Amino acid sequence: MTRIALKLGYSTPAIFSRVFSEMTGLSPRARRREAAGMCAAALVSPPAKA
């Protein structure tokens, strides 16, 4: 996360994290976990047949 924060112009990861949380309603860690869960679910669950 440090590299992302610095690339986006934030002086510290803490500031990036606070802004990210305010904008998305999730902390960066919670968003990573949510995204990982979606990826894992896509690998485990085959698409529903029509």
N, C-alpha and C. Protein backbone atom coordinates (compact mmCIF):
# COMPACT_ATOMS: atom_id res chain seq x y z
N MET A 1 0.82 -1.18 0.00
CA MET A 1 0.00 0.00 0.00
C MET A 1 0.87 1.26 0.00
N THR A 2 2.05 1.18 0.57
CA THR A 2 2.93 2.34 0.62
C THR A 2 3.24 2.85 -0.78
N ARG A 3 3.58 1.93 -1.67
CA ARG A 3 3.91 2.35 -3.05
C ARG A 3 2.72 3.03 -3.71
N ILE A 4 1.53 2.48 -3.51
CA ILE A 4 0.33 3.08 -4.12
C ILE A 4 0.10 4.47 -3.55
N ALA A 5 0.18 4.60 -2.23
CA ALA A 5 -0.03 5.91 -1.59
C ALA A 5 0.95 6.94 -2.13
N LEU A 6 2.22 6.58 -2.20
CA LEU A 6 3.22 7.53 -2.68
C LEU A 6 3.04 7.85 -4.16
N LYS A 7 2.69 6.85 -4.98
CA LYS A 7 2.46 7.10 -6.41
C LYS A 7 1.29 8.05 -6.63
N LEU A 8 0.30 7.98 -5.74
CA LEU A 8 -0.86 8.85 -5.88
C LEU A 8 -0.65 10.22 -5.26
N GLY A 9 0.53 10.43 -4.66
CA GLY A 9 0.85 11.75 -4.14
C GLY A 9 0.58 11.95 -2.66
N TYR A 10 0.20 10.90 -1.95
CA TYR A 10 -0.02 11.02 -0.51
C TYR A 10 1.33 10.93 0.19
N SER A 11 1.50 11.74 1.24
CA SER A 11 2.79 11.77 1.93
C SER A 11 3.00 10.56 2.84
N THR A 12 1.91 9.94 3.28
CA THR A 12 2.02 8.74 4.13
C THR A 12 0.92 7.76 3.79
N PRO A 13 1.15 6.47 4.03
CA PRO A 13 0.09 5.48 3.82
C PRO A 13 -1.12 5.72 4.72
N ALA A 14 -0.90 6.27 5.90
CA ALA A 14 -2.01 6.53 6.82
C ALA A 14 -3.01 7.53 6.23
N ILE A 15 -2.49 8.55 5.59
CA ILE A 15 -3.38 9.55 4.98
C ILE A 15 -4.15 8.91 3.83
N PHE A 16 -3.45 8.15 2.99
CA PHE A 16 -4.13 7.44 1.91
C PHE A 16 -5.22 6.53 2.45
N SER A 17 -4.91 5.78 3.50
CA SER A 17 -5.87 4.86 4.10
C SER A 17 -7.11 5.60 4.60
N ARG A 18 -6.90 6.73 5.25
CA ARG A 18 -8.03 7.51 5.77
C ARG A 18 -8.91 8.02 4.64
N VAL A 19 -8.29 8.56 3.59
CA VAL A 19 -9.06 9.07 2.46
C VAL A 19 -9.78 7.93 1.75
N PHE A 20 -9.09 6.81 1.55
CA PHE A 20 -9.70 5.65 0.91
C PHE A 20 -10.93 5.19 1.69
N SER A 21 -10.79 5.12 3.01
CA SER A 21 -11.90 4.68 3.86
C SER A 21 -13.08 5.64 3.78
N GLU A 22 -12.79 6.94 3.78
CA GLU A 22 -13.86 7.93 3.68
C GLU A 22 -14.58 7.84 2.35
N MET A 23 -13.84 7.57 1.28
CA MET A 23 -14.44 7.55 -0.05
C MET A 23 -15.18 6.25 -0.35
N THR A 24 -14.71 5.13 0.18
CA THR A 24 -15.29 3.84 -0.18
C THR A 24 -16.13 3.21 0.92
N GLY A 25 -15.93 3.66 2.16
CA GLY A 25 -16.63 3.03 3.29
C GLY A 25 -15.92 1.78 3.78
N LEU A 26 -14.79 1.45 3.18
CA LEU A 26 -14.00 0.28 3.57
C LEU A 26 -12.55 0.69 3.74
N SER A 27 -11.86 0.04 4.66
CA SER A 27 -10.42 0.26 4.75
C SER A 27 -9.76 -0.45 3.57
N PRO A 28 -8.54 -0.07 3.23
CA PRO A 28 -7.85 -0.80 2.15
C PRO A 28 -7.75 -2.30 2.45
N ARG A 29 -7.51 -2.67 3.71
CA ARG A 29 -7.41 -4.08 4.08
C ARG A 29 -8.76 -4.79 3.86
N ALA A 30 -9.85 -4.15 4.28
CA ALA A 30 -11.17 -4.76 4.09
C ALA A 30 -11.47 -4.91 2.60
N ARG A 31 -11.08 -3.94 1.80
CA ARG A 31 -11.32 -4.01 0.35
C ARG A 31 -10.52 -5.14 -0.28
N ARG A 32 -9.26 -5.31 0.16
CA ARG A 32 -8.44 -6.41 -0.37
C ARG A 32 -9.08 -7.74 -0.01
N ARG A 33 -9.56 -7.88 1.23
CA ARG A 33 -10.21 -9.14 1.64
C ARG A 33 -11.47 -9.38 0.84
N GLU A 34 -12.25 -8.33 0.62
CA GLU A 34 -13.48 -8.45 -0.16
C GLU A 34 -13.16 -8.90 -1.59
N ALA A 35 -12.16 -8.27 -2.18
CA ALA A 35 -11.78 -8.61 -3.55
C ALA A 35 -11.24 -10.04 -3.62
N ALA A 36 -10.44 -10.44 -2.64
CA ALA A 36 -9.91 -11.80 -2.62
C ALA A 36 -11.04 -12.81 -2.50
N GLY A 37 -12.04 -12.51 -1.72
CA GLY A 37 -13.19 -13.39 -1.57
C GLY A 37 -13.95 -13.54 -2.87
N MET A 38 -14.09 -12.45 -3.61
CA MET A 38 -14.78 -12.51 -4.89
C MET A 38 -14.01 -13.37 -5.89
N CYS A 39 -12.69 -13.22 -5.89
CA CYS A 39 -11.86 -14.01 -6.80
C CYS A 39 -11.93 -15.49 -6.44
N ALA A 40 -11.87 -15.79 -5.16
CA ALA A 40 -11.93 -17.18 -4.71
C ALA A 40 -13.29 -17.79 -5.04
N ALA A 41 -14.35 -17.02 -4.85
CA ALA A 41 -15.69 -17.52 -5.14
C ALA A 41 -15.84 -17.81 -6.63
N ALA A 42 -15.25 -16.99 -7.46
CA ALA A 42 -15.33 -17.20 -8.91
C ALA A 42 -14.60 -18.48 -9.31
N LEU A 43 -13.54 -18.81 -8.61
CA LEU A 43 -12.80 -20.03 -8.94
C LEU A 43 -13.51 -21.28 -8.45
N VAL A 44 -14.24 -21.18 -7.34
CA VAL A 44 -14.88 -22.32 -6.72
C VAL A 44 -16.27 -22.59 -7.29
N SER A 45 -17.02 -21.53 -7.53
CA SER A 45 -18.41 -21.67 -7.96
C SER A 45 -18.51 -21.56 -9.47
N PRO A 46 -18.96 -22.62 -10.13
CA PRO A 46 -19.17 -22.52 -11.58
C PRO A 46 -20.37 -21.60 -11.86
N PRO A 47 -20.40 -20.99 -13.00
CA PRO A 47 -21.54 -20.13 -13.34
C PRO A 47 -22.84 -20.95 -13.38
N ALA A 48 -23.92 -20.29 -12.99
CA ALA A 48 -25.24 -20.94 -13.00
C ALA A 48 -25.67 -21.17 -14.45
N LYS A 49 -26.30 -22.30 -14.68
CA LYS A 49 -26.79 -22.58 -16.05
C LYS A 49 -28.20 -22.04 -16.20
N ALA A 50 -28.48 -21.55 -17.37
CA ALA A 50 -29.79 -20.95 -17.65
C ALA A 50 -30.82 -21.99 -17.94
